[in-house]
Amino acid sequence: MTQEMLTAPETTEAIEGEVIDPAQLLKEHEQNIKRNFKKFEAVQLSVARSLNVIYYNDLWKLHKTAEGKRRYTNFNDYLTAEFGWDKTAARARQIMKGDIPAAIEAGDIPAEVGDKRRDRAAPEITATKAAKVTAKQLQNVIDAWNKRMENVESGDAYGALVEIHVSANEALIHILADLDSFVQTQDAEWADGTDADADDDDDTQDDD
């Protein structure tokens, strides 16, 4: 891309009436990324290492109630209560998994974690992901059919088609509910440490 292309004379007016030069805006945000990208990477790696150390060494289970019982029943509850974590369990896995080899090499987490990863054949797609993709596809089918019905001409066959449409919608809605319940169960099992259906590079660990 040439400098001339970046410095096109067009400007954009802000809501308050302030004129913003797009090229200047681009330059400012590129400079911001250059200043902070390495720091961002370092912080993310540091957080990933701490998450792995706490999770794979069962340190999060050390939190107790006044009665001496475990304060948190699953890892996701621990993250939410201690750090205000508002992401899904899948997002925690995503942050953690890239650091696992380095954490093992550093001796920060048990080597068996890596053994589990190597021994398990990696599926092309996990059951949880398949459920999510299928649910999205079915929802698209429902939306498209509902819209199409708005343009169907009236006539003797219209009533019969409506009956099929209503029946199919009811069935698909039940299927979507089942798929959603399945996904929530799988995420909860990972958050609880059982990880029944882990992603390709994720690991299982019981809470016992």
Protein backbone atom coordinates (compact mmCIF):
# COMPACT_ATOMS: atom_id res chain seq x y z
CA MET A 1 0.00 0.00 0.00
CA THR A 2 1.50 3.38 -1.03
CA GLN A 3 1.77 6.44 1.20
CA GLU A 4 -0.54 8.26 -1.21
CA MET A 5 -3.26 5.70 -0.54
CA LEU A 6 -2.87 6.16 3.22
CA THR A 7 -3.01 9.94 3.06
CA ALA A 8 -6.16 10.36 0.99
CA PRO A 9 -7.65 13.83 1.54
CA GLU A 10 -11.07 12.60 2.67
CA THR A 11 -11.97 13.33 6.30
CA THR A 12 -14.67 12.05 8.61
CA GLU A 13 -16.79 14.30 10.81
CA ALA A 14 -17.36 13.19 14.38
CA ILE A 15 -20.79 13.54 16.01
CA GLU A 16 -19.66 16.64 17.91
CA GLY A 17 -18.60 18.31 14.67
CA GLU A 18 -14.89 17.62 15.11
CA VAL A 19 -13.15 16.76 11.84
CA ILE A 20 -11.06 13.59 12.03
CA ASP A 21 -8.34 12.77 9.53
CA PRO A 22 -8.55 9.00 8.82
CA ALA A 23 -4.84 8.79 8.07
CA GLN A 24 -3.99 10.41 11.40
CA LEU A 25 -6.42 8.09 13.18
CA LEU A 26 -4.74 5.09 11.54
CA LYS A 27 -1.29 6.35 12.54
CA GLU A 28 -2.30 6.91 16.18
CA HIS A 29 -3.75 3.44 16.62
CA GLU A 30 -0.88 1.73 14.80
CA GLN A 31 1.54 3.51 17.12
CA ASN A 32 -0.52 2.40 20.11
CA ILE A 33 -0.32 -1.24 18.98
CA LYS A 34 3.43 -1.00 18.37
CA ARG A 35 3.97 0.46 21.86
CA ASN A 36 1.85 -2.12 23.67
CA PHE A 37 1.76 -5.35 21.65
CA LYS A 38 4.80 -6.92 23.30
CA LYS A 39 3.46 -5.95 26.73
CA PHE A 40 0.09 -7.46 25.79
CA GLU A 41 1.72 -10.74 24.76
CA ALA A 42 3.80 -10.85 27.94
CA VAL A 43 0.79 -10.22 30.17
CA GLN A 44 -1.28 -12.89 28.41
CA LEU A 45 1.52 -15.46 28.76
CA SER A 46 1.91 -14.58 32.43
CA VAL A 47 -1.82 -15.04 33.06
CA ALA A 48 -1.83 -18.33 31.14
CA ARG A 49 1.04 -19.67 33.24
CA SER A 50 -0.64 -18.72 36.51
CA LEU A 51 -3.92 -20.31 35.39
CA ASN A 52 -2.12 -23.53 34.49
CA VAL A 53 -0.17 -23.65 37.74
CA ILE A 54 -3.30 -23.05 39.82
CA TYR A 55 -5.46 -25.49 37.85
CA TYR A 56 -3.12 -28.42 37.23
CA ASN A 57 -1.69 -28.35 40.77
CA ASP A 58 -5.19 -28.15 42.32
CA LEU A 59 -4.23 -24.97 44.16
CA TRP A 60 -7.65 -23.42 43.62
CA LYS A 61 -9.10 -26.10 45.89
CA LEU A 62 -7.20 -24.69 48.87
CA HIS A 63 -9.86 -22.00 49.37
CA LYS A 64 -12.08 -23.07 52.28
CA THR A 65 -15.25 -21.84 53.90
CA ALA A 66 -15.45 -20.99 57.60
CA GLU A 67 -16.66 -24.57 58.11
CA GLY A 68 -13.54 -25.94 56.45
CA LYS A 69 -15.26 -27.10 53.27
CA ARG A 70 -14.07 -26.34 49.77
CA ARG A 71 -15.25 -22.87 48.82
CA TYR A 72 -15.48 -23.55 45.08
CA THR A 73 -17.05 -26.62 43.47
CA ASN A 74 -15.55 -25.94 40.05
CA PHE A 75 -12.74 -23.95 38.48
CA ASN A 76 -14.99 -21.54 36.63
CA ASP A 77 -16.72 -20.51 39.88
CA TYR A 78 -13.26 -19.90 41.34
CA LEU A 79 -12.28 -17.66 38.41
CA THR A 80 -15.52 -15.69 38.64
CA ALA A 81 -15.37 -15.14 42.40
CA GLU A 82 -11.66 -14.41 42.73
CA PHE A 83 -11.03 -12.38 39.58
CA GLY A 84 -14.42 -11.29 38.25
CA TRP A 85 -13.97 -13.68 35.31
CA ASP A 86 -16.85 -13.11 32.89
CA LYS A 87 -15.66 -15.40 30.10
CA THR A 88 -16.68 -18.98 29.34
CA ALA A 89 -14.79 -22.08 30.42
CA ALA A 90 -13.84 -22.56 26.77
CA ARG A 91 -12.11 -19.16 26.78
CA ALA A 92 -10.09 -20.16 29.84
CA ARG A 93 -8.99 -23.34 28.04
CA GLN A 94 -7.99 -21.30 25.01
CA ILE A 95 -5.77 -19.03 27.09
CA MET A 96 -4.20 -21.90 29.02
CA LYS A 97 -3.50 -24.53 26.38
CA GLY A 98 -0.80 -22.68 24.42
CA ASP A 99 1.34 -22.36 27.56
CA ILE A 100 1.08 -25.99 28.69
CA PRO A 101 4.26 -27.33 26.94
CA ALA A 102 6.37 -24.48 28.34
CA ALA A 103 4.83 -24.88 31.79
CA ILE A 104 5.70 -28.59 31.78
CA GLU A 105 9.25 -27.87 30.60
CA ALA A 106 9.66 -25.32 33.40
CA GLY A 107 8.42 -27.88 35.92
CA ASP A 108 5.48 -25.70 36.90
CA ILE A 109 2.82 -28.33 36.17
CA PRO A 110 2.96 -32.14 36.26
CA ALA A 111 4.52 -33.87 33.25
CA GLU A 112 1.53 -36.25 33.13
CA VAL A 113 -0.52 -33.39 31.70
CA GLY A 114 1.58 -33.61 28.53
CA ASP A 115 1.33 -37.40 28.48
CA LYS A 116 -2.46 -37.20 28.42
CA ARG A 117 -2.28 -34.76 25.53
CA ARG A 118 0.00 -37.04 23.49
CA ASP A 119 -1.84 -40.27 24.26
CA ARG A 120 -5.27 -39.02 23.25
CA ALA A 121 -6.05 -39.18 19.54
CA ALA A 122 -7.09 -35.74 18.41
CA PRO A 123 -10.58 -35.77 16.89
CA GLU A 124 -11.30 -33.74 13.78
CA ILE A 125 -14.00 -31.90 15.74
CA THR A 126 -15.16 -32.22 19.34
CA ALA A 127 -18.71 -33.20 20.21
CA THR A 128 -19.24 -29.82 21.86
CA LYS A 129 -18.17 -27.91 18.78
CA ALA A 130 -20.30 -30.17 16.57
CA ALA A 131 -23.32 -29.40 18.75
CA LYS A 132 -22.69 -25.65 18.55
CA VAL A 133 -22.28 -25.70 14.76
CA THR A 134 -25.36 -27.87 14.30
CA ALA A 135 -27.45 -25.59 16.52
CA LYS A 136 -26.40 -22.57 14.48
CA GLN A 137 -27.27 -24.32 11.22
CA LEU A 138 -30.68 -25.40 12.51
CA GLN A 139 -31.41 -21.86 13.70
CA ASN A 140 -30.56 -20.58 10.22
CA VAL A 141 -33.00 -23.11 8.75
CA ILE A 142 -35.75 -21.95 11.10
CA ASP A 143 -35.12 -18.27 10.33
CA ALA A 144 -35.05 -18.85 6.57
CA TRP A 145 -38.24 -20.95 6.61
CA ASN A 146 -40.09 -18.42 8.77
CA LYS A 147 -39.17 -15.65 6.33
CA ARG A 148 -40.14 -17.74 3.33
CA MET A 149 -43.58 -18.43 4.78
CA GLU A 150 -44.30 -14.70 4.74
CA ASN A 151 -44.25 -14.80 0.93
CA VAL A 152 -46.13 -18.04 0.27
CA GLU A 153 -49.25 -17.45 -1.78
CA SER A 154 -52.59 -18.34 -0.26
CA GLY A 155 -54.62 -21.24 -1.63
CA ASP A 156 -55.77 -24.78 -0.92
CA ALA A 157 -52.22 -26.02 -0.27
CA TYR A 158 -51.28 -23.14 2.04
CA GLY A 159 -52.98 -24.60 5.11
CA ALA A 160 -51.24 -27.96 4.69
CA LEU A 161 -47.86 -26.23 4.36
CA VAL A 162 -48.55 -24.17 7.48
CA GLU A 163 -49.22 -27.38 9.44
CA ILE A 164 -45.90 -28.84 8.28
CA HIS A 165 -44.12 -25.59 9.11
CA VAL A 166 -45.55 -25.39 12.61
CA SER A 167 -44.81 -29.06 13.32
CA ALA A 168 -41.25 -28.76 12.03
CA ASN A 169 -40.65 -25.57 14.03
CA GLU A 170 -41.77 -27.25 17.24
CA ALA A 171 -39.49 -30.23 16.61
CA LEU A 172 -36.49 -28.06 15.73
CA ILE A 173 -37.00 -25.86 18.79
CA HIS A 174 -36.90 -28.97 21.01
CA ILE A 175 -33.73 -30.12 19.25
CA LEU A 176 -32.11 -26.72 19.71
CA ALA A 177 -32.94 -26.84 23.42
CA ASP A 178 -31.35 -30.30 23.69
CA LEU A 179 -28.21 -29.13 21.89
CA ASP A 180 -27.94 -26.05 24.12
CA SER A 181 -28.32 -28.22 27.22
CA PHE A 182 -25.63 -30.58 25.91
CA VAL A 183 -23.17 -27.72 25.34
CA GLN A 184 -23.81 -26.27 28.80
CA THR A 185 -23.26 -29.68 30.39
CA GLN A 186 -19.93 -30.16 28.59
CA ASP A 187 -18.72 -26.68 29.59
CA ALA A 188 -19.78 -27.31 33.19
CA GLU A 189 -17.93 -30.65 33.28
CA TRP A 190 -14.73 -28.96 32.16
CA ALA A 191 -15.20 -26.14 34.64
CA ASP A 192 -15.68 -28.77 37.35
CA GLY A 193 -12.38 -30.37 36.34
CA THR A 194 -13.81 -33.47 34.66
CA ASP A 195 -13.49 -32.16 31.07
CA ALA A 196 -15.47 -35.04 29.56
CA ASP A 197 -15.24 -33.64 26.03
CA ALA A 198 -12.08 -31.56 25.88
CA ASP A 199 -10.84 -29.69 22.83
CA ASP A 200 -7.94 -31.14 20.85
CA ASP A 201 -5.25 -29.76 23.17
CA ASP A 202 -7.15 -29.69 26.47
CA ASP A 203 -6.64 -32.02 29.39
CA THR A 204 -8.77 -33.85 31.91
CA GLN A 205 -8.45 -33.57 35.67
CA ASP A 206 -10.77 -34.84 38.39
CA ASP A 207 -11.63 -32.73 41.40
CA ASP A 208 -11.40 -35.61 43.88
